């Protein structure tokens, strides 16, 4: 009999004036952590960038990830929003 499992995901949304290297810099913030990038979407319109990255990670690490992302947003002068979700996997 199979047991249902859950998957913890974090959605990271970045909004900023478009500039070279911003996406790479955000991804570099995540490199110290064990996580999987599930999906990545980017919209660039009229000089603005909206970047969405969905990751799966250990829930025990989210506070550290969030702290690093908040610091990144402050240092880079960009808006970063973070949303967490736990979904069942059948």
PDB file of N, CA and C in Angstrom:
ATOM      1  N   UNK A   1       0.830  -1.177   0.000  1.00  0.00           N
ATOM      2  CA  UNK A   1       0.000   0.000   0.000  1.00  0.00           C
ATOM      3  C   UNK A   1       0.878   1.245   0.000  1.00  0.00           C
ATOM      4  N   UNK A   2       0.636   2.131  -0.947  1.00  0.00           N
ATOM      5  CA  UNK A   2       1.442   3.350  -1.064  1.00  0.00           C
ATOM      6  C   UNK A   2       0.957   4.399  -0.071  1.00  0.00           C
ATOM      7  N   UNK A   3       1.892   5.143   0.487  1.00  0.00           N
ATOM      8  CA  UNK A   3       1.563   6.217   1.414  1.00  0.00           C
ATOM      9  C   UNK A   3       1.678   7.543   0.690  1.00  0.00           C
ATOM     10  N   UNK A   4       0.710   8.429   0.950  1.00  0.00           N
ATOM     11  CA  UNK A   4       0.797   9.766   0.386  1.00  0.00           C
ATOM     12  C   UNK A   4       1.943  10.509   1.065  1.00  0.00           C
ATOM     13  N   UNK A   5       2.617  11.332   0.288  1.00  0.00           N
ATOM     14  CA  UNK A   5       3.696  12.151   0.806  1.00  0.00           C
ATOM     15  C   UNK A   5       3.349  13.602   0.522  1.00  0.00           C
ATOM     16  N   UNK A   6       4.056  14.510   1.136  1.00  0.00           N
ATOM     17  CA  UNK A   6       3.840  15.917   0.831  1.00  0.00           C
ATOM     18  C   UNK A   6       5.123  16.517   0.294  1.00  0.00           C
ATOM     19  N   UNK A   7       4.948  17.551  -0.492  1.00  0.00           N
ATOM     20  CA  UNK A   7       6.072  18.256  -1.095  1.00  0.00           C
ATOM     21  C   UNK A   7       5.969  19.712  -0.668  1.00  0.00           C
ATOM     22  N   UNK A   8       7.045  20.239  -0.102  1.00  0.00           N
ATOM     23  CA  UNK A   8       7.078  21.616   0.356  1.00  0.00           C
ATOM     24  C   UNK A   8       7.710  22.469  -0.732  1.00  0.00           C
ATOM     25  N   UNK A   9       6.985  23.496  -1.172  1.00  0.00           N
ATOM     26  CA  UNK A   9       7.516  24.377  -2.211  1.00  0.00           C
ATOM     27  C   UNK A   9       7.510  25.822  -1.738  1.00  0.00           C
ATOM     28  N   UNK A  10       8.378  26.586  -2.346  1.00  0.00           N
ATOM     29  CA  UNK A  10       8.487  28.008  -2.076  1.00  0.00           C
ATOM     30  C   UNK A  10       8.474  28.741  -3.409  1.00  0.00           C
ATOM     31  N   UNK A  11       7.582  29.723  -3.523  1.00  0.00           N
ATOM     32  CA  UNK A  11       7.528  30.561  -4.706  1.00  0.00           C
ATOM     33  C   UNK A  11       8.240  31.862  -4.390  1.00  0.00           C
ATOM     34  N   UNK A  12       9.225  32.197  -5.203  1.00  0.00           N
ATOM     35  CA  UNK A  12       9.985  33.435  -5.046  1.00  0.00           C
ATOM     36  C   UNK A  12       9.625  34.338  -6.217  1.00  0.00           C
ATOM     37  N   UNK A  13       9.157  35.540  -5.907  1.00  0.00           N
ATOM     38  CA  UNK A  13       8.821  36.521  -6.935  1.00  0.00           C
ATOM     39  C   UNK A  13       9.708  37.745  -6.767  1.00  0.00           C
ATOM     40  N   UNK A  14      10.360  38.121  -7.852  1.00  0.00           N
ATOM     41  CA  UNK A  14      11.229  39.288  -7.840  1.00  0.00           C
ATOM     42  C   UNK A  14      10.667  40.292  -8.837  1.00  0.00           C
ATOM     43  N   UNK A  15      10.630  41.553  -8.462  1.00  0.00           N
ATOM     44  CA  UNK A  15      10.201  42.629  -9.335  1.00  0.00           C
ATOM     45  C   UNK A  15      11.222  43.749  -9.227  1.00  0.00           C
ATOM     46  N   UNK A  16      11.675  44.218 -10.399  1.00  0.00           N
ATOM     47  CA  UNK A  16      12.722  45.232 -10.381  1.00  0.00           C
ATOM     48  C   UNK A  16      12.854  45.882 -11.747  1.00  0.00           C
ATOM     49  N   UNK A  17      13.596  46.972 -11.780  1.00  0.00           N
ATOM     50  CA  UNK A  17      14.005  47.530 -13.060  1.00  0.00           C
ATOM     51  C   UNK A  17      14.937  46.508 -13.704  1.00  0.00           C
ATOM     52  N   UNK A  18      14.718  46.251 -14.982  1.00  0.00           N
ATOM     53  CA  UNK A  18      15.516  45.244 -15.670  1.00  0.00           C
ATOM     54  C   UNK A  18      16.971  45.704 -15.771  1.00  0.00           C
ATOM     55  N   UNK A  19      17.872  44.788 -15.404  1.00  0.00           N
ATOM     56  CA  UNK A  19      19.304  45.075 -15.548  1.00  0.00           C
ATOM     57  C   UNK A  19      20.077  43.768 -15.686  1.00  0.00           C
ATOM     58  N   UNK A  20      21.194  43.858 -16.310  1.00  0.00           N
ATOM     59  CA  UNK A  20      22.044  42.696 -16.599  1.00  0.00           C
ATOM     60  C   UNK A  20      22.489  42.009 -15.312  1.00  0.00           C
ATOM     61  N   UNK A  21      22.384  40.681 -15.284  1.00  0.00           N
ATOM     62  CA  UNK A  21      22.929  39.881 -14.194  1.00  0.00           C
ATOM     63  C   UNK A  21      22.033  39.708 -12.989  1.00  0.00           C
ATOM     64  N   UNK A  22      20.846  40.304 -12.995  1.00  0.00           N
ATOM     65  CA  UNK A  22      19.980  40.233 -11.820  1.00  0.00           C
ATOM     66  C   UNK A  22      19.459  38.814 -11.574  1.00  0.00           C
ATOM     67  N   UNK A  23      19.048  38.134 -12.633  1.00  0.00           N
ATOM     68  CA  UNK A  23      18.559  36.759 -12.479  1.00  0.00           C
ATOM     69  C   UNK A  23      19.669  35.848 -11.961  1.00  0.00           C
ATOM     70  N   UNK A  24      20.848  35.976 -12.519  1.00  0.00           N
ATOM     71  CA  UNK A  24      21.985  35.155 -12.073  1.00  0.00           C
ATOM     72  C   UNK A  24      22.322  35.447 -10.616  1.00  0.00           C
ATOM     73  N   UNK A  25      22.268  36.702 -10.222  1.00  0.00           N
ATOM     74  CA  UNK A  25      22.570  37.068  -8.838  1.00  0.00           C
ATOM     75  C   UNK A  25      21.553  36.444  -7.876  1.00  0.00           C
ATOM     76  N   UNK A  26      20.282  36.441  -8.267  1.00  0.00           N
ATOM     77  CA  UNK A  26      19.267  35.815  -7.423  1.00  0.00           C
ATOM     78  C   UNK A  26      19.511  34.317  -7.302  1.00  0.00           C
ATOM     79  N   UNK A  27      19.812  33.671  -8.403  1.00  0.00           N
ATOM     80  CA  UNK A  27      20.085  32.229  -8.359  1.00  0.00           C
ATOM     81  C   UNK A  27      21.314  31.920  -7.513  1.00  0.00           C
ATOM     82  N   UNK A  28      22.290  32.810  -7.503  1.00  0.00           N
ATOM     83  CA  UNK A  28      23.486  32.616  -6.676  1.00  0.00           C
ATOM     84  C   UNK A  28      23.148  32.635  -5.182  1.00  0.00           C
ATOM     85  N   UNK A  29      22.122  33.381  -4.804  1.00  0.00           N
ATOM     86  CA  UNK A  29      21.682  33.403  -3.402  1.00  0.00           C
ATOM     87  C   UNK A  29      21.205  32.018  -2.977  1.00  0.00           C
ATOM     88  N   UNK A  30      20.638  31.271  -3.916  1.00  0.00           N
ATOM     89  CA  UNK A  30      20.081  29.956  -3.598  1.00  0.00           C
ATOM     90  C   UNK A  30      21.104  28.826  -3.616  1.00  0.00           C
ATOM     91  N   UNK A  31      22.279  29.052  -4.184  1.00  0.00           N
ATOM     92  CA  UNK A  31      23.248  27.965  -4.363  1.00  0.00           C
ATOM     93  C   UNK A  31      23.722  27.291  -3.076  1.00  0.00           C
ATOM     94  N   UNK A  32      23.797  27.955  -1.932  1.00  0.00           N
ATOM     95  CA  UNK A  32      24.246  27.244  -0.725  1.00  0.00           C
ATOM     96  C   UNK A  32      23.241  26.216  -0.196  1.00  0.00           C
ATOM     97  N   UNK A  33      22.018  26.239  -0.712  1.00  0.00           N
ATOM     98  CA  UNK A  33      20.956  25.414  -0.160  1.00  0.00           C
ATOM     99  C   UNK A  33      20.686  24.194  -1.039  1.00  0.00           C
ATOM    100  N   UNK A  34      20.266  23.104  -0.393  1.00  0.00           N
ATOM    101  CA  UNK A  34      19.842  21.913  -1.113  1.00  0.00           C
ATOM    102  C   UNK A  34      18.381  22.122  -1.487  1.00  0.00           C
ATOM    103  N   UNK A  35      18.151  22.303  -2.774  1.00  0.00           N
ATOM    104  CA  UNK A  35      16.805  22.556  -3.263  1.00  0.00           C
ATOM    105  C   UNK A  35      16.726  22.153  -4.725  1.00  0.00           C
ATOM    106  N   UNK A  36      15.514  22.112  -5.237  1.00  0.00           N
ATOM    107  CA  UNK A  36      15.289  21.812  -6.639  1.00  0.00           C
ATOM    108  C   UNK A  36      14.487  22.954  -7.244  1.00  0.00           C
ATOM    109  N   UNK A  37      14.947  23.481  -8.360  1.00  0.00           N
ATOM    110  CA  UNK A  37      14.166  24.480  -9.078  1.00  0.00           C
ATOM    111  C   UNK A  37      13.138  23.727  -9.909  1.00  0.00           C
ATOM    112  N   UNK A  38      11.877  23.896  -9.538  1.00  0.00           N
ATOM    113  CA  UNK A  38      10.783  23.197 -10.201  1.00  0.00           C
ATOM    114  C   UNK A  38      10.347  23.917 -11.477  1.00  0.00           C
ATOM    115  N   UNK A  39      10.357  25.234 -11.415  1.00  0.00           N
ATOM    116  CA  UNK A  39       9.912  26.031 -12.557  1.00  0.00           C
ATOM    117  C   UNK A  39      10.477  27.441 -12.428  1.00  0.00           C
ATOM    118  N   UNK A  40      10.714  28.054 -13.579  1.00  0.00           N
ATOM    119  CA  UNK A  40      11.224  29.430 -13.596  1.00  0.00           C
ATOM    120  C   UNK A  40      10.557  30.149 -14.761  1.00  0.00           C
ATOM    121  N   UNK A  41      10.007  31.312 -14.494  1.00  0.00           N
ATOM    122  CA  UNK A  41       9.364  32.131 -15.517  1.00  0.00           C
ATOM    123  C   UNK A  41       9.866  33.560 -15.394  1.00  0.00           C
ATOM    124  N   UNK A  42      10.031  34.195 -16.552  1.00  0.00           N
ATOM    125  CA  UNK A  42      10.534  35.567 -16.556  1.00  0.00           C
ATOM    126  C   UNK A  42       9.694  36.389 -17.523  1.00  0.00           C
ATOM    127  N   UNK A  43       9.323  37.582 -17.075  1.00  0.00           N
ATOM    128  CA  UNK A  43       8.629  38.539 -17.924  1.00  0.00           C
ATOM    129  C   UNK A  43       9.434  39.835 -17.895  1.00  0.00           C
ATOM    130  N   UNK A  44       9.761  40.324 -19.069  1.00  0.00           N
ATOM    131  CA  UNK A  44      10.460  41.606 -19.190  1.00  0.00           C
ATOM    132  C   UNK A  44       9.609  42.507 -20.083  1.00  0.00           C
ATOM    133  N   UNK A  45       9.094  43.580 -19.496  1.00  0.00           N
ATOM    134  CA  UNK A  45       8.246  44.524 -20.225  1.00  0.00           C
ATOM    135  C   UNK A  45       8.659  45.950 -19.893  1.00  0.00           C
ATOM    136  N   UNK A  46       8.862  46.732 -20.920  1.00  0.00           N
ATOM    137  CA  UNK A  46       9.141  48.159 -20.780  1.00  0.00           C
ATOM    138  C   UNK A  46      10.149  48.459 -19.669  1.00  0.00           C
ATOM    139  N   UNK A  47      11.233  47.710 -19.679  1.00  0.00           N
ATOM    140  CA  UNK A  47      12.313  47.974 -18.733  1.00  0.00           C
ATOM    141  C   UNK A  47      12.104  47.422 -17.335  1.00  0.00           C
ATOM    142  N   UNK A  48      11.034  46.671 -17.137  1.00  0.00           N
ATOM    143  CA  UNK A  48      10.778  46.051 -15.834  1.00  0.00           C
ATOM    144  C   UNK A  48      10.950  44.553 -15.950  1.00  0.00           C
ATOM    145  N   UNK A  49      11.391  43.920 -14.874  1.00  0.00           N
ATOM    146  CA  UNK A  49      11.571  42.474 -14.825  1.00  0.00           C
ATOM    147  C   UNK A  49      10.698  41.907 -13.722  1.00  0.00           C
ATOM    148  N   UNK A  50       9.960  40.865 -14.052  1.00  0.00           N
ATOM    149  CA  UNK A  50       9.246  40.069 -13.058  1.00  0.00           C
ATOM    150  C   UNK A  50       9.758  38.645 -13.229  1.00  0.00           C
ATOM    151  N   UNK A  51      10.343  38.117 -12.184  1.00  0.00           N
ATOM    152  CA  UNK A  51      10.934  36.784 -12.220  1.00  0.00           C
ATOM    153  C   UNK A  51      10.278  35.928 -11.152  1.00  0.00           C
ATOM    154  N   UNK A  52       9.785  34.772 -11.558  1.00  0.00           N
ATOM    155  CA  UNK A  52       9.189  33.828 -10.626  1.00  0.00           C
ATOM    156  C   UNK A  52       9.972  32.532 -10.634  1.00  0.00           C
ATOM    157  N   UNK A  53      10.349  32.069  -9.462  1.00  0.00           N
ATOM    158  CA  UNK A  53      11.084  30.814  -9.332  1.00  0.00           C
ATOM    159  C   UNK A  53      10.365  29.969  -8.286  1.00  0.00           C
ATOM    160  N   UNK A  54       9.968  28.762  -8.686  1.00  0.00           N
ATOM    161  CA  UNK A  54       9.331  27.824  -7.773  1.00  0.00           C
ATOM    162  C   UNK A  54      10.359  26.768  -7.404  1.00  0.00           C
ATOM    163  N   UNK A  55      10.623  26.644  -6.103  1.00  0.00           N
ATOM    164  CA  UNK A  55      11.605  25.665  -5.641  1.00  0.00           C
ATOM    165  C   UNK A  55      10.940  24.681  -4.686  1.00  0.00           C
ATOM    166  N   UNK A  56      11.486  23.480  -4.631  1.00  0.00           N
ATOM    167  CA  UNK A  56      11.123  22.555  -3.563  1.00  0.00           C
ATOM    168  C   UNK A  56      12.347  22.445  -2.661  1.00  0.00           C
ATOM    169  N   UNK A  57      12.078  22.406  -1.364  1.00  0.00           N
ATOM    170  CA  UNK A  57      13.184  22.422  -0.410  1.00  0.00           C
ATOM    171  C   UNK A  57      12.721  21.814   0.907  1.00  0.00           C
ATOM    172  N   UNK A  58      13.651  21.624   1.798  1.00  0.00           N
ATOM    173  CA  UNK A  58      13.367  21.149   3.140  1.00  0.00           C
ATOM    174  C   UNK A  58      12.739  22.309   3.924  1.00  0.00           C
ATOM    175  N   UNK A  59      11.565  22.104   4.517  1.00  0.00           N
ATOM    176  CA  UNK A  59      10.928  23.184   5.281  1.00  0.00           C
ATOM    177  C   UNK A  59      11.818  23.744   6.392  1.00  0.00           C
ATOM    178  N   UNK A  60      12.737  22.951   6.887  1.00  0.00           N
ATOM    179  CA  UNK A  60      13.629  23.417   7.949  1.00  0.00           C
ATOM    180  C   UNK A  60      14.585  24.511   7.466  1.00  0.00           C
ATOM    181  N   UNK A  61      14.729  24.653   6.153  1.00  0.00           N
ATOM    182  CA  UNK A  61      15.669  25.629   5.612  1.00  0.00           C
ATOM    183  C   UNK A  61      15.022  26.937   5.183  1.00  0.00           C
ATOM    184  N   UNK A  62      13.694  27.019   5.233  1.00  0.00           N
ATOM    185  CA  UNK A  62      13.031  28.195   4.654  1.00  0.00           C
ATOM    186  C   UNK A  62      13.370  29.500   5.363  1.00  0.00           C
ATOM    187  N   UNK A  63      13.569  29.483   6.644  1.00  0.00           N
ATOM    188  CA  UNK A  63      13.909  30.729   7.330  1.00  0.00           C
ATOM    189  C   UNK A  63      15.272  31.254   6.895  1.00  0.00           C
ATOM    190  N   UNK A  64      16.219  30.367   6.696  1.00  0.00           N
ATOM    191  CA  UNK A  64      17.540  30.785   6.223  1.00  0.00           C
ATOM    192  C   UNK A  64      17.470  31.288   4.784  1.00  0.00           C
ATOM    193  N   UNK A  65      16.705  30.586   3.945  1.00  0.00           N
ATOM    194  CA  UNK A  65      16.533  31.014   2.554  1.00  0.00           C
ATOM    195  C   UNK A  65      15.858  32.383   2.519  1.00  0.00           C
ATOM    196  N   UNK A  66      14.804  32.526   3.303  1.00  0.00           N
ATOM    197  CA  UNK A  66      14.083  33.803   3.344  1.00  0.00           C
ATOM    198  C   UNK A  66      14.983  34.939   3.813  1.00  0.00           C
ATOM    199  N   UNK A  67      15.777  34.705   4.850  1.00  0.00           N
ATOM    200  CA  UNK A  67      16.678  35.743   5.353  1.00  0.00           C
ATOM    201  C   UNK A  67      17.662  36.178   4.266  1.00  0.00           C
ATOM    202  N   UNK A  68      18.214  35.223   3.535  1.00  0.00           N
ATOM    203  CA  UNK A  68      19.165  35.556   2.466  1.00  0.00           C
ATOM    204  C   UNK A  68      18.474  36.306   1.329  1.00  0.00           C
ATOM    205  N   UNK A  69      17.227  35.927   1.006  1.00  0.00           N
ATOM    206  CA  UNK A  69      16.501  36.617  -0.062  1.00  0.00           C
ATOM    207  C   UNK A  69      16.121  38.037   0.345  1.00  0.00           C
ATOM    208  N   UNK A  70      15.733  38.235   1.591  1.00  0.00           N
ATOM    209  CA  UNK A  70      15.408  39.575   2.079  1.00  0.00           C
ATOM    210  C   UNK A  70      16.655  40.460   2.038  1.00  0.00           C
ATOM    211  N   UNK A  71      17.773  39.917   2.469  1.00  0.00           N
ATOM    212  CA  UNK A  71      19.035  40.675   2.415  1.00  0.00           C
ATOM    213  C   UNK A  71      19.401  41.007   0.975  1.00  0.00           C
ATOM    214  N   UNK A  72      19.253  40.045   0.069  1.00  0.00           N
ATOM    215  CA  UNK A  72      19.523  40.267  -1.355  1.00  0.00           C
ATOM    216  C   UNK A  72      18.650  41.402  -1.895  1.00  0.00           C
ATOM    217  N   UNK A  73      17.356  41.361  -1.590  1.00  0.00           N
ATOM    218  CA  UNK A  73      16.442  42.399  -2.057  1.00  0.00           C
ATOM    219  C   UNK A  73      16.856  43.773  -1.571  1.00  0.00           C
ATOM    220  N   UNK A  74      17.238  43.851  -0.314  1.00  0.00           N
ATOM    221  CA  UNK A  74      17.670  45.124   0.260  1.00  0.00           C
ATOM    222  C   UNK A  74      18.955  45.626  -0.396  1.00  0.00           C
ATOM    223  N   UNK A  75      19.925  44.754  -0.570  1.00  0.00           N
ATOM    224  CA  UNK A  75      21.205  45.136  -1.174  1.00  0.00           C
ATOM    225  C   UNK A  75      21.059  45.550  -2.635  1.00  0.00           C
ATOM    226  N   UNK A  76      20.184  44.852  -3.363  1.00  0.00           N
ATOM    227  CA  UNK A  76      20.028  45.103  -4.796  1.00  0.00           C
ATOM    228  C   UNK A  76      18.963  46.156  -5.107  1.00  0.00           C
ATOM    229  N   UNK A  77      18.180  46.549  -4.118  1.00  0.00           N
ATOM    230  CA  UNK A  77      17.118  47.517  -4.349  1.00  0.00           C
ATOM    231  C   UNK A  77      15.990  46.947  -5.192  1.00  0.00           C
ATOM    232  N   UNK A  78      15.635  45.670  -4.933  1.00  0.00           N
ATOM    233  CA  UNK A  78      14.571  44.996  -5.680  1.00  0.00           C
ATOM    234  C   UNK A  78      13.513  44.500  -4.689  1.00  0.00           C
ATOM    235  N   UNK A  79      12.309  44.282  -5.203  1.00  0.00           N
ATOM    236  CA  UNK A  79      11.238  43.723  -4.382  1.00  0.00           C
ATOM    237  C   UNK A  79      11.265  42.211  -4.495  1.00  0.00           C
ATOM    238  N   UNK A  80      11.260  41.532  -3.355  1.00  0.00           N
ATOM    239  CA  UNK A  80      11.223  40.072  -3.325  1.00  0.00           C
ATOM    240  C   UNK A  80      10.053  39.658  -2.444  1.00  0.00           C
ATOM    241  N   UNK A  81       9.185  38.811  -2.998  1.00  0.00           N
ATOM    242  CA  UNK A  81       8.069  38.245  -2.241  1.00  0.00           C
ATOM    243  C   UNK A  81       8.247  36.733  -2.195  1.00  0.00           C
ATOM    244  N   UNK A  82       7.835  36.125  -1.083  1.00  0.00           N
ATOM    245  CA  UNK A  82       8.029  34.692  -0.878  1.00  0.00           C
ATOM    246  C   UNK A  82       6.708  34.094  -0.389  1.00  0.00           C
ATOM    247  N   UNK A  83       6.336  32.959  -0.984  1.00  0.00           N
ATOM    248  CA  UNK A  83       5.106  32.277  -0.610  1.00  0.00           C
ATOM    249  C   UNK A  83       5.390  30.788  -0.472  1.00  0.00           C
ATOM    250  N   UNK A  84       4.886  30.178   0.604  1.00  0.00           N
ATOM    251  CA  UNK A  84       5.146  28.772   0.890  1.00  0.00           C
ATOM    252  C   UNK A  84       3.893  27.945   0.693  1.00  0.00           C
ATOM    253  N   UNK A  85       4.087  26.678   0.311  1.00  0.00           N
ATOM    254  CA  UNK A  85       2.956  25.777   0.161  1.00  0.00           C
ATOM    255  C   UNK A  85       3.418  24.343   0.362  1.00  0.00           C
ATOM    256  N   UNK A  86       2.528  23.543   0.923  1.00  0.00           N
ATOM    257  CA  UNK A  86       2.791  22.113   1.062  1.00  0.00           C
ATOM    258  C   UNK A  86       1.660  21.374   0.363  1.00  0.00           C
ATOM    259  N   UNK A  87       2.006  20.546  -0.614  1.00  0.00           N
ATOM    260  CA  UNK A  87       0.990  19.830  -1.385  1.00  0.00           C
ATOM    261  C   UNK A  87       1.212  18.326  -1.246  1.00  0.00           C
ATOM    262  N   UNK A  88       0.125  17.591  -1.325  1.00  0.00           N
ATOM    263  CA  UNK A  88       0.222  16.140  -1.243  1.00  0.00           C
ATOM    264  C   UNK A  88       0.616  15.551  -2.588  1.00  0.00           C
ATOM    265  N   UNK A  89       1.457  14.545  -2.547  1.00  0.00           N
ATOM    266  CA  UNK A  89       1.870  13.809  -3.724  1.00  0.00           C
ATOM    267  C   UNK A  89       1.295  12.397  -3.594  1.00  0.00           C
ATOM    268  N   UNK A  90       0.601  11.945  -4.598  1.00  0.00           N
ATOM    269  CA  UNK A  90      -0.020  10.612  -4.550  1.00  0.00           C
ATOM    270  C   UNK A  90       0.807   9.602  -5.295  1.00  0.00           C
TER     271      UNK A  90
END
